[in-house]
Amino acid sequence: MNEHKKEILLFGAGKLGKAALSTYGHLSVYGFVDNDAEKCNKLHFGKPVLTFKQLCENKKDYDVVIASKDFCAVYRQCIESGVIPADIFLYSALYTMDDLIKTFFCSSKNNVGLYGRSLYAKAILRSYQAQISSAAESHVILLDRDDNGCVGTIWHGIKVHSLEEICDQLDTIIISAPRYNRALDLKLHRELASKNVQIVNPFKLRGHCPQENIVANRYASTTPIKTETEFNANTKLMVDVYVRDVINAFVDEANVSVPLFSFVELETQNRCNGSCTFCPVNKVADPRPYHKMKKTLFEKIVTQLAALEYKGRISLYSNNEPFLDERLIEFSALLRDKLPFAYIYLFTNGTMLTVEKFTAIYPLLDEMIIDNYSQDLQLLPPVKIIYDFCEVNPIFKEKVTIQLRLVDEIMTTRGGNSPNRENYVSYGDVKCARPFQQLVIRPTGEISLCCNDAIGKYTMGDLNKESILDVWHGKKFAQLREAISKGRSHFGNCQHCDIFTLG
């Protein structure tokens, strides 16, 4: 295992860079690169921070991993200067590298398979070699797909096997291909359902990346996008270098055997008090008839989710401001009681928050995101009160992020529904994960196409008449999945949708 000497340089010395350092491990990371001159030529988490010029002068000596939310601009900067990034890091891991090694490699009886050749797998091997004594070594087996010509070859001293030929010898499989971790997670759970093999996906987080500070300025490290032309250029680059392959791989696996939805948006009333120009249902232009969910229907839905032992993400909001419903805290308490293993989160614009409401709902949530919309990027008075309260009582910071955002932001087309977008680009060859992951329930009990179907143009089912599973595995969702598995151009306005999240 002495072939993998090249160390990693993380391009981005911010929060994502810190997460990447923890994920790849200190042994594999030489240091950081950053465009912020104030960070350069200093130590950051014990590692040196290089300037971009220094990177260009030594580009052959390192594997460069982009660890920046503004990865499109960084990728373009690298390519234009002859630096070829080895990977893009957009995910935190459940384990630090040290914890990963100690947890899964310390037993001499544990045969561990690494699925996927990547810089992350290379980092695991480096850390494994350095930390595990020969007397306690576990048997490490490298796995990869048998359709890409690597099976049977030697990679960093280890023979590459297919899953089929080696699965009976494995006790644990660690997904070591971060970019395709969701697709591999589905594949392994499906193919090894009858095997006694532990499948570990270090990247399967349910919440947001932890913040160092309660306030997160979306524009701290980049200039706000002001034109659709700029937005479209960034999106196209993102799709070409990263998104298309990742999304399409997930959908191909999900389409083999449709998984249960993994995040639910349950909208209990369909109004917002915000005037954001990018939103198709802002308070000035909302075309929807007003509806407020009946308590009996809410209880019926939660009971069905409890019967499914639902453990995914769930929120009491979608295209609305949740605190406009005075029952929000009561309903959140019911969610917490009936779905103890679900990840309950909430987005709010914070305008209706008080300390009393905040402290009442806080213990019922796993996470709260306050989108503070302000053109001057200053805290709104109600949000400032919550911020000051958290500063005095720092224990409340653990679950809360305040995002400073612009009211007139140029964002996605929201599936062709955004009022401040008109220059649409077709992404017809890109598939979409949402029909395999997301369930959006309107106050009427009807199921929307997805969260971007803000006005409820499409109805996939009605929970007043059907069960959740009947809708999820019903004819309309099946038709949607068949179409979207061929690409976005095969369903409605989806070809102009420029949202590519993978939950």
Protein backbone atom coordinates (compact mmCIF):
# COMPACT_ATOMS: atom_id res chain seq x y z
CA MET A 1 0.00 0.00 0.00
CA ASN A 2 2.90 2.34 -0.63
CA GLU A 3 1.65 3.51 -4.03
CA HIS A 4 -0.69 6.25 -2.85
CA LYS A 5 1.82 8.91 -1.79
CA LYS A 6 0.11 11.93 -3.34
CA GLU A 7 -1.54 14.06 -0.68
CA ILE A 8 -4.78 16.01 -1.03
CA LEU A 9 -5.15 19.77 -1.26
CA LEU A 10 -8.61 21.00 -0.31
CA PHE A 11 -9.68 24.04 -2.32
CA GLY A 12 -11.74 25.91 0.23
CA ALA A 13 -10.76 26.68 3.82
CA GLY A 14 -14.31 27.25 5.09
CA LYS A 15 -16.95 25.04 6.70
CA LEU A 16 -17.01 22.57 3.82
CA GLY A 17 -13.22 22.40 3.84
CA LYS A 18 -13.30 21.55 7.54
CA ALA A 19 -15.82 18.77 6.85
CA ALA A 20 -13.62 17.47 4.02
CA LEU A 21 -10.56 17.41 6.30
CA SER A 22 -12.48 15.32 8.82
CA THR A 23 -13.73 13.01 6.06
CA TYR A 24 -10.43 12.39 4.24
CA GLY A 25 -8.40 12.45 7.43
CA HIS A 26 -5.36 14.44 8.51
CA LEU A 27 -2.99 11.77 7.20
CA SER A 28 -4.16 12.21 3.61
CA VAL A 29 -4.61 15.98 3.50
CA TYR A 30 -1.58 18.22 3.05
CA GLY A 31 -3.47 21.48 3.43
CA PHE A 32 -5.88 23.96 1.90
CA VAL A 33 -6.05 26.41 -0.98
CA ASP A 34 -8.17 29.54 -0.73
CA ASN A 35 -8.85 32.71 -2.69
CA ASP A 36 -9.13 34.71 0.52
CA ALA A 37 -5.73 36.36 1.00
CA GLU A 38 -6.36 36.75 4.75
CA LYS A 39 -6.47 32.96 5.18
CA CYS A 40 -3.40 32.18 3.08
CA ASN A 41 0.08 31.41 4.41
CA LYS A 42 -1.40 30.57 7.79
CA LEU A 43 -2.39 27.35 9.54
CA HIS A 44 -6.04 26.31 9.34
CA PHE A 45 -7.01 23.37 11.60
CA GLY A 46 -3.31 22.57 11.79
CA LYS A 47 -2.82 22.59 8.00
CA PRO A 48 -1.16 25.24 5.79
CA VAL A 49 -3.31 27.38 3.50
CA LEU A 50 -1.79 27.97 0.05
CA THR A 51 -2.56 30.73 -2.39
CA PHE A 52 -3.95 29.80 -5.79
CA LYS A 53 -0.63 30.86 -7.34
CA GLN A 54 1.19 28.41 -5.08
CA LEU A 55 -1.22 25.67 -6.15
CA CYS A 56 -0.55 26.39 -9.84
CA GLU A 57 3.19 26.19 -9.24
CA ASN A 58 2.88 22.79 -7.53
CA LYS A 59 -0.22 21.35 -9.23
CA LYS A 60 1.43 18.02 -10.13
CA ASP A 61 2.28 17.28 -6.51
CA TYR A 62 -1.26 17.04 -5.12
CA ASP A 63 -4.73 15.69 -5.73
CA VAL A 64 -6.95 18.79 -5.66
CA VAL A 65 -10.41 18.39 -4.16
CA ILE A 66 -12.83 21.31 -4.44
CA ALA A 67 -14.52 21.89 -1.07
CA SER A 68 -16.48 25.05 -1.74
CA LYS A 69 -20.20 25.71 -2.10
CA ASP A 70 -19.29 27.95 -5.02
CA PHE A 71 -17.68 24.99 -6.73
CA CYS A 72 -18.67 26.07 -10.25
CA ALA A 73 -16.56 29.22 -10.05
CA VAL A 74 -13.68 27.34 -8.40
CA TYR A 75 -13.83 24.57 -10.99
CA ARG A 76 -13.74 27.12 -13.81
CA GLN A 77 -10.82 28.92 -12.15
CA CYS A 78 -8.87 25.67 -11.89
CA ILE A 79 -9.51 24.49 -15.45
CA GLU A 80 -8.59 27.86 -16.95
CA SER A 81 -5.25 27.68 -15.13
CA GLY A 82 -4.45 24.10 -16.10
CA VAL A 83 -5.31 22.58 -12.71
CA ILE A 84 -7.46 19.45 -13.11
CA PRO A 85 -9.49 18.84 -9.93
CA ALA A 86 -9.53 15.22 -8.81
CA ASP A 87 -12.95 15.48 -7.17
CA ILE A 88 -15.64 17.77 -5.81
CA PHE A 89 -16.60 17.44 -2.15
CA LEU A 90 -20.18 18.42 -1.30
CA TYR A 91 -20.90 16.11 1.60
CA SER A 92 -19.97 15.59 5.22
CA ALA A 93 -19.33 12.11 6.59
CA LEU A 94 -20.90 10.49 9.63
CA TYR A 95 -17.46 9.44 10.85
CA THR A 96 -14.12 11.15 11.06
CA MET A 97 -11.45 9.08 9.36
CA ASP A 98 -9.99 8.02 12.71
CA ASP A 99 -13.40 6.92 14.00
CA LEU A 100 -14.10 5.04 10.77
CA ILE A 101 -10.89 3.03 11.12
CA LYS A 102 -11.39 2.31 14.83
CA THR A 103 -15.03 1.33 14.41
CA PHE A 104 -14.80 -1.03 11.45
CA PHE A 105 -11.20 -2.15 11.02
CA CYS A 106 -9.99 -3.04 14.51
CA SER A 107 -11.52 -6.52 14.75
CA SER A 108 -9.37 -9.31 13.35
CA LYS A 109 -12.60 -11.19 12.58
CA ASN A 110 -14.07 -8.42 10.46
CA ASN A 111 -13.68 -8.69 6.68
CA VAL A 112 -14.24 -5.20 5.33
CA GLY A 113 -15.11 -4.42 1.74
CA LEU A 114 -14.51 -0.96 0.31
CA TYR A 115 -16.99 -0.37 -2.50
CA GLY A 116 -15.64 2.16 -4.98
CA ARG A 117 -12.17 3.27 -6.01
CA SER A 118 -11.82 6.94 -5.14
CA LEU A 119 -9.66 9.43 -3.28
CA TYR A 120 -11.74 8.56 -0.22
CA ALA A 121 -10.93 4.85 -0.59
CA LYS A 122 -7.28 5.80 -1.06
CA ALA A 123 -7.43 7.87 2.15
CA ILE A 124 -8.95 4.93 4.02
CA LEU A 125 -6.15 2.65 2.88
CA ARG A 126 -3.53 5.20 3.94
CA SER A 127 -5.10 5.59 7.37
CA TYR A 128 -5.62 1.83 7.69
CA GLN A 129 -1.95 1.19 7.00
CA ALA A 130 -0.82 3.79 9.50
CA GLN A 131 -3.17 2.98 12.38
CA ILE A 132 -3.77 -0.77 12.38
CA SER A 133 -1.00 -3.05 13.59
CA SER A 134 -0.32 -6.22 11.64
CA ALA A 135 -1.50 -8.33 14.59
CA ALA A 136 -4.95 -6.74 14.53
CA GLU A 137 -5.35 -6.22 10.83
CA SER A 138 -8.73 -6.96 9.35
CA HIS A 139 -9.03 -8.33 5.86
CA VAL A 140 -9.63 -5.45 3.44
CA ILE A 141 -11.31 -6.28 0.13
CA LEU A 142 -11.82 -3.77 -2.67
CA LEU A 143 -15.07 -3.89 -4.61
CA ASP A 144 -16.27 -2.17 -7.74
CA ARG A 145 -18.77 -2.62 -10.54
CA ASP A 146 -18.03 -5.46 -12.91
CA ASP A 147 -18.95 -3.41 -15.98
CA ASN A 148 -16.09 -0.91 -16.01
CA GLY A 149 -13.11 -3.14 -16.65
CA CYS A 150 -11.47 -2.84 -13.24
CA VAL A 151 -12.50 -6.18 -11.71
CA GLY A 152 -9.48 -8.45 -11.40
CA THR A 153 -6.99 -5.60 -11.56
CA ILE A 154 -4.76 -4.41 -8.72
CA TRP A 155 -5.44 -0.99 -7.21
CA HIS A 156 -2.99 0.33 -4.61
CA GLY A 157 -1.88 -3.18 -3.76
CA ILE A 158 -5.36 -4.71 -3.45
CA LYS A 159 -7.16 -6.88 -5.97
CA VAL A 160 -10.51 -5.52 -7.15
CA HIS A 161 -13.46 -7.94 -6.89
CA SER A 162 -17.05 -7.81 -8.04
CA LEU A 163 -19.73 -7.91 -5.37
CA GLU A 164 -21.12 -11.17 -6.69
CA GLU A 165 -17.88 -13.14 -6.35
CA ILE A 166 -16.95 -12.00 -2.86
CA CYS A 167 -20.10 -11.02 -0.92
CA ASP A 168 -20.24 -14.28 1.08
CA GLN A 169 -16.82 -13.52 2.57
CA LEU A 170 -17.74 -10.03 3.82
CA ASP A 171 -18.92 -8.89 7.22
CA THR A 172 -19.05 -5.16 6.44
CA ILE A 173 -19.17 -3.08 3.27
CA ILE A 174 -18.18 0.58 3.46
CA ILE A 175 -19.34 2.74 0.57
CA SER A 176 -16.13 4.50 -0.45
CA ALA A 177 -17.37 6.31 -3.56
CA PRO A 178 -18.74 9.58 -2.12
CA ARG A 179 -20.06 10.92 -5.39
CA TYR A 180 -22.24 7.88 -6.05
CA ASN A 181 -22.99 6.96 -2.45
CA ARG A 182 -26.78 7.21 -2.80
CA ALA A 183 -26.93 4.97 -5.85
CA LEU A 184 -24.60 2.42 -4.25
CA ASP A 185 -26.63 2.49 -1.04
CA LEU A 186 -29.75 1.41 -2.96
CA LYS A 187 -27.84 -1.20 -4.97
CA LEU A 188 -26.22 -2.84 -1.94
CA HIS A 189 -29.35 -2.94 0.20
CA ARG A 190 -31.28 -4.48 -2.69
CA GLU A 191 -28.70 -7.07 -3.70
CA LEU A 192 -27.67 -8.05 -0.17
CA ALA A 193 -31.13 -8.07 1.41
CA SER A 194 -30.82 -11.78 2.24
CA LYS A 195 -27.19 -11.59 3.38
CA ASN A 196 -25.88 -10.92 6.85
CA VAL A 197 -23.66 -8.05 5.74
CA GLN A 198 -23.49 -4.66 7.43
CA ILE A 199 -23.69 -1.84 4.89
CA VAL A 200 -22.12 1.43 5.99
CA ASN A 201 -22.74 4.64 4.06
CA PRO A 202 -20.57 7.28 5.77
CA PHE A 203 -22.21 10.04 3.70
CA LYS A 204 -25.85 9.33 4.45
CA LEU A 205 -26.60 12.35 6.62
CA ARG A 206 -30.17 13.42 7.29
CA GLY A 207 -29.46 16.97 8.41
CA HIS A 208 -27.54 19.97 7.12
CA CYS A 209 -23.79 20.33 7.41
CA PRO A 210 -23.12 21.64 10.96
CA GLN A 211 -22.43 25.37 11.11
CA GLU A 212 -19.58 26.94 13.02
CA ASN A 213 -21.76 29.99 13.68
CA ILE A 214 -25.51 30.37 14.03
CA VAL A 215 -25.58 33.01 11.27
CA ALA A 216 -24.65 31.87 7.78
CA ASN A 217 -24.27 34.52 5.08
CA ARG A 218 -24.97 32.84 1.75
CA TYR A 219 -22.93 35.53 0.02
CA ALA A 220 -19.92 35.67 2.35
CA SER A 221 -17.62 33.86 -0.07
CA THR A 222 -19.22 34.75 -3.38
CA THR A 223 -20.97 37.64 -5.09
CA PRO A 224 -24.76 37.25 -5.44
CA ILE A 225 -25.82 36.20 -8.92
CA LYS A 226 -27.53 39.19 -10.54
CA THR A 227 -28.54 37.91 -13.97
CA GLU A 228 -30.19 34.82 -15.40
CA THR A 229 -27.35 34.48 -17.89
CA GLU A 230 -24.85 34.09 -15.07
CA PHE A 231 -27.12 31.70 -13.20
CA ASN A 232 -27.65 29.54 -16.28
CA ALA A 233 -23.92 29.41 -17.04
CA ASN A 234 -23.13 28.25 -13.51
CA THR A 235 -25.93 25.68 -13.57
CA LYS A 236 -24.85 24.22 -16.90
CA LEU A 237 -21.30 23.84 -15.65
CA MET A 238 -22.54 22.20 -12.44
CA VAL A 239 -24.65 19.77 -14.45
CA ASP A 240 -21.83 18.92 -16.85
CA VAL A 241 -19.07 18.33 -14.30
CA TYR A 242 -21.02 16.79 -11.45
CA VAL A 243 -24.79 16.56 -11.37
CA ARG A 244 -25.82 14.62 -14.48
CA ASP A 245 -23.88 11.45 -13.69
CA VAL A 246 -24.76 11.49 -9.99
CA ILE A 247 -28.51 12.01 -10.44
CA ASN A 248 -28.80 9.61 -13.35
CA ALA A 249 -26.94 6.86 -11.48
CA PHE A 250 -29.29 7.20 -8.51
CA VAL A 251 -32.44 7.13 -10.65
CA ASP A 252 -31.21 4.06 -12.54
CA GLU A 253 -30.84 2.19 -9.25
CA ALA A 254 -34.07 3.52 -7.72
CA ASN A 255 -36.03 2.53 -10.79
CA VAL A 256 -35.08 -1.13 -10.34
CA SER A 257 -36.98 -1.26 -7.06
CA VAL A 258 -38.70 1.93 -5.90
CA PRO A 259 -37.67 2.78 -2.33
CA LEU A 260 -39.97 4.33 0.24
CA PHE A 261 -39.90 8.12 0.21
CA SER A 262 -37.17 9.54 2.43
CA PHE A 263 -38.43 13.07 3.00
CA VAL A 264 -41.93 14.41 3.50
CA GLU A 265 -43.19 17.98 3.25
CA LEU A 266 -46.53 18.28 5.05
CA GLU A 267 -48.09 21.68 4.42
CA THR A 268 -50.84 22.42 6.95
CA GLN A 269 -51.90 25.77 5.44
CA ASN A 270 -50.99 27.25 2.10
CA ARG A 271 -50.08 30.86 2.68
CA CYS A 272 -46.87 32.84 3.14
CA ASN A 273 -46.38 36.39 4.44
CA GLY A 274 -43.21 36.92 2.39
CA SER A 275 -42.86 38.90 -0.82
CA CYS A 276 -39.80 37.17 -2.31
CA THR A 277 -39.74 37.85 -6.05
CA PHE A 278 -38.43 34.37 -6.88
CA CYS A 279 -41.40 32.62 -5.26
CA PRO A 280 -44.50 31.72 -7.31
CA VAL A 281 -46.71 31.81 -4.21
CA ASN A 282 -45.51 34.95 -2.44
CA LYS A 283 -48.16 37.00 -0.65
CA VAL A 284 -48.57 39.37 -3.61
CA ALA A 285 -49.11 36.75 -6.30
CA ASP A 286 -50.42 33.54 -4.69
CA PRO A 287 -53.08 32.06 -7.03
CA ARG A 288 -54.05 29.17 -4.73
CA PRO A 289 -57.46 28.99 -3.02
CA TYR A 290 -56.82 29.15 0.71
CA HIS A 291 -56.84 25.81 2.54
CA LYS A 292 -56.09 24.78 6.07
CA MET A 293 -55.63 21.09 6.82
CA LYS A 294 -58.24 19.48 9.06
CA LYS A 295 -56.81 18.13 12.28
CA THR A 296 -58.43 14.74 11.64
CA LEU A 297 -56.66 14.48 8.29
CA PHE A 298 -53.34 15.48 9.85
CA GLU A 299 -53.73 12.79 12.51
CA LYS A 300 -54.65 10.21 9.85
CA ILE A 301 -51.51 11.00 7.86
CA VAL A 302 -49.23 10.84 10.89
CA THR A 303 -50.80 7.54 11.98
CA GLN A 304 -50.04 6.03 8.57
CA LEU A 305 -46.45 7.25 8.71
CA ALA A 306 -46.12 5.74 12.20
CA ALA A 307 -47.42 2.41 10.90
CA LEU A 308 -44.66 2.52 8.29
CA GLU A 309 -42.14 3.17 11.09
CA TYR A 310 -41.02 6.16 9.07
CA LYS A 311 -37.45 7.22 9.88
CA GLY A 312 -36.75 9.76 7.16
CA ARG A 313 -36.96 13.56 7.07
CA ILE A 314 -40.25 15.33 7.66
CA SER A 315 -41.23 18.98 7.91
CA LEU A 316 -44.46 20.88 8.52
CA TYR A 317 -43.92 23.28 5.65
CA SER A 318 -43.61 23.32 1.88
CA ASN A 319 -44.57 26.43 -0.09
CA ASN A 320 -45.75 28.43 2.92
CA GLU A 321 -44.75 30.11 6.18
CA PRO A 322 -45.42 27.43 8.81
CA PHE A 323 -45.92 29.78 11.77
CA LEU A 324 -49.02 31.22 10.09
CA ASP A 325 -50.73 28.07 11.36
CA GLU A 326 -51.34 28.58 15.08
CA ARG A 327 -51.39 24.77 15.52
CA LEU A 328 -47.77 24.35 14.43
CA ILE A 329 -46.38 23.59 17.88
CA GLU A 330 -49.26 21.23 18.68
CA PHE A 331 -48.78 19.40 15.38
CA SER A 332 -45.00 19.26 15.87
CA ALA A 333 -45.53 17.63 19.27
CA LEU A 334 -47.72 14.99 17.65
CA LEU A 335 -45.04 14.32 15.03
CA ARG A 336 -42.37 13.90 17.69
CA ASP A 337 -44.59 11.57 19.71
CA LYS A 338 -45.71 9.36 16.82
CA LEU A 339 -42.50 9.40 14.75
CA PRO A 340 -39.71 9.19 17.35
CA PHE A 341 -37.05 8.14 14.84
CA ALA A 342 -37.89 10.64 12.10
CA TYR A 343 -35.73 13.71 11.48
CA ILE A 344 -38.08 16.65 12.07
CA TYR A 345 -36.93 19.96 10.63
CA LEU A 346 -38.46 23.32 9.78
CA PHE A 347 -37.79 26.24 7.45
CA THR A 348 -39.28 29.60 8.45
CA ASN A 349 -38.72 33.22 7.47
CA GLY A 350 -38.62 34.05 11.18
CA THR A 351 -40.97 37.05 10.98
CA MET A 352 -43.52 35.51 13.34
CA LEU A 353 -41.06 34.09 15.84
CA THR A 354 -41.04 35.04 19.50
CA VAL A 355 -38.87 33.62 22.26
CA GLU A 356 -41.92 31.81 23.61
CA LYS A 357 -42.69 30.12 20.29
CA PHE A 358 -39.02 29.38 19.70
CA THR A 359 -38.44 27.71 23.06
CA ALA A 360 -41.71 25.77 22.76
CA ILE A 361 -40.93 24.25 19.37
CA TYR A 362 -37.16 23.85 19.78
CA PRO A 363 -37.21 20.53 21.72
CA LEU A 364 -39.61 19.04 19.16
CA LEU A 365 -37.24 19.64 16.22
CA ASP A 366 -33.96 18.16 15.07
CA GLU A 367 -33.19 21.28 13.08
CA MET A 368 -34.54 24.78 12.41
CA ILE A 369 -33.45 26.92 9.48
CA ILE A 370 -34.44 30.58 9.61
CA ASP A 371 -34.29 32.21 6.18
CA ASN A 372 -33.75 35.87 7.02
CA TYR A 373 -34.81 37.70 3.82
CA SER A 374 -33.40 41.22 3.71
CA GLN A 375 -31.90 43.22 0.86
CA ASP A 376 -29.30 44.72 3.19
CA LEU A 377 -28.51 41.30 4.70
CA GLN A 378 -29.26 42.53 8.20
CA LEU A 379 -31.16 40.54 10.82
CA LEU A 380 -34.86 41.31 10.89
CA PRO A 381 -36.13 42.48 14.34
CA PRO A 382 -37.87 39.17 15.28
CA VAL A 383 -34.86 37.18 14.08
CA LYS A 384 -32.47 39.47 15.96
CA ILE A 385 -34.40 38.67 19.16
CA ILE A 386 -33.90 34.95 18.56
CA TYR A 387 -30.24 35.49 17.72
CA ASP A 388 -29.65 37.46 20.93
CA PHE A 389 -31.48 34.81 22.93
CA CYS A 390 -29.26 32.07 21.47
CA GLU A 391 -26.13 34.08 22.20
CA VAL A 392 -27.11 34.27 25.87
CA ASN A 393 -28.28 30.64 25.86
CA PRO A 394 -25.78 28.92 23.51
CA ILE A 395 -27.30 25.46 23.98
CA PHE A 396 -30.02 26.59 21.56
CA LYS A 397 -27.45 27.13 18.82
CA GLU A 398 -27.03 23.40 18.31
CA LYS A 399 -30.06 23.00 16.06
CA VAL A 400 -30.44 26.48 14.55
CA THR A 401 -29.06 28.16 11.46
CA ILE A 402 -29.97 31.71 10.42
CA GLN A 403 -29.40 32.15 6.69
CA LEU A 404 -28.98 35.71 5.44
CA ARG A 405 -30.75 35.85 2.09
CA LEU A 406 -31.87 38.40 -0.47
CA VAL A 407 -35.56 39.03 -1.18
CA ASP A 408 -34.82 39.61 -4.88
CA GLU A 409 -32.43 36.71 -5.33
CA ILE A 410 -32.00 35.08 -8.73
CA MET A 411 -32.64 31.43 -8.06
CA THR A 412 -33.88 28.36 -9.89
CA THR A 413 -36.89 28.34 -12.19
CA ARG A 414 -38.82 26.28 -9.62
CA GLY A 415 -39.87 23.92 -12.38
CA GLY A 416 -40.71 26.81 -14.67
CA ASN A 417 -42.89 28.56 -12.07
CA SER A 418 -40.60 31.27 -10.67
CA PRO A 419 -41.91 34.81 -11.40
CA ASN A 420 -38.46 36.41 -11.76
CA ARG A 421 -37.14 33.87 -14.27
CA GLU A 422 -37.87 33.75 -18.00
CA ASN A 423 -34.70 32.56 -19.74
CA TYR A 424 -35.16 28.83 -19.39
CA VAL A 425 -32.53 26.26 -20.34
CA SER A 426 -33.50 22.70 -21.13
CA TYR A 427 -31.93 19.93 -19.05
CA GLY A 428 -33.93 17.26 -20.82
CA ASP A 429 -31.29 14.52 -20.58
CA VAL A 430 -30.95 14.83 -16.80
CA LYS A 431 -33.18 12.59 -14.72
CA CYS A 432 -34.74 13.60 -11.39
CA ALA A 433 -34.53 11.91 -8.00
CA ARG A 434 -37.57 13.56 -6.42
CA PRO A 435 -40.20 11.10 -7.65
CA PHE A 436 -38.20 8.41 -5.84
CA GLN A 437 -37.59 10.36 -2.63
CA GLN A 438 -40.10 13.10 -1.91
CA LEU A 439 -43.73 13.18 -0.80
CA VAL A 440 -45.34 16.64 -0.76
CA ILE A 441 -48.76 16.80 0.91
CA ARG A 442 -50.97 19.85 0.40
CA PRO A 443 -53.43 21.09 3.07
CA THR A 444 -56.26 19.47 1.11
CA GLY A 445 -54.63 16.04 1.50
CA GLU A 446 -53.70 15.97 -2.17
CA ILE A 447 -50.18 14.98 -3.21
CA SER A 448 -48.20 17.34 -5.44
CA LEU A 449 -45.73 16.39 -8.14
CA CYS A 450 -42.88 17.71 -5.99
CA CYS A 451 -42.00 20.78 -3.93
CA ASN A 452 -41.52 22.79 -7.14
CA ASP A 453 -45.16 22.25 -8.06
CA ALA A 454 -45.96 25.18 -5.78
CA ILE A 455 -49.41 25.93 -7.17
CA GLY A 456 -50.50 22.28 -7.25
CA LYS A 457 -50.76 21.94 -11.00
CA TYR A 458 -50.32 18.17 -10.75
CA THR A 459 -52.11 15.89 -8.29
CA MET A 460 -50.62 12.43 -7.80
CA GLY A 461 -53.25 11.24 -5.33
CA ASP A 462 -55.63 12.20 -2.53
CA LEU A 463 -55.08 11.01 1.05
CA ASN A 464 -58.75 11.60 1.83
CA LYS A 465 -59.49 8.64 -0.44
CA GLU A 466 -56.23 6.66 -0.69
CA SER A 467 -53.52 5.49 1.66
CA ILE A 468 -50.02 6.94 1.47
CA LEU A 469 -48.63 3.69 0.06
CA ASP A 470 -51.42 3.43 -2.50
CA VAL A 471 -50.46 6.86 -3.82
CA TRP A 472 -46.71 6.30 -3.66
CA HIS A 473 -46.93 3.04 -5.57
CA GLY A 474 -49.89 4.13 -7.64
CA LYS A 475 -50.40 4.64 -11.36
CA LYS A 476 -49.61 8.37 -11.51
CA PHE A 477 -46.29 8.11 -9.71
CA ALA A 478 -45.42 5.06 -11.83
CA GLN A 479 -46.08 7.04 -15.02
CA LEU A 480 -44.01 9.95 -13.69
CA ARG A 481 -41.09 7.70 -12.79
CA GLU A 482 -41.17 5.95 -16.15
CA ALA A 483 -41.06 9.30 -17.94
CA ILE A 484 -38.46 10.98 -15.72
CA SER A 485 -36.21 7.90 -15.96
CA LYS A 486 -35.78 8.79 -19.62
CA GLY A 487 -34.93 12.40 -18.79
CA ARG A 488 -36.71 15.60 -17.82
CA SER A 489 -37.87 16.36 -21.33
CA HIS A 490 -40.35 13.50 -21.06
CA PHE A 491 -42.62 15.07 -18.43
CA GLY A 492 -44.42 18.42 -18.44
CA ASN A 493 -42.34 21.44 -17.53
CA CYS A 494 -39.64 19.30 -15.96
CA GLN A 495 -37.19 19.84 -18.82
CA HIS A 496 -36.80 23.46 -17.72
CA CYS A 497 -36.40 22.61 -14.05
CA ASP A 498 -32.90 23.46 -12.84
CA ILE A 499 -33.04 21.95 -9.35
CA PHE A 500 -30.79 18.90 -8.95
CA THR A 501 -30.78 18.00 -5.26
CA LEU A 502 -30.37 14.44 -4.08
CA GLY A 503 -31.79 14.00 -0.57
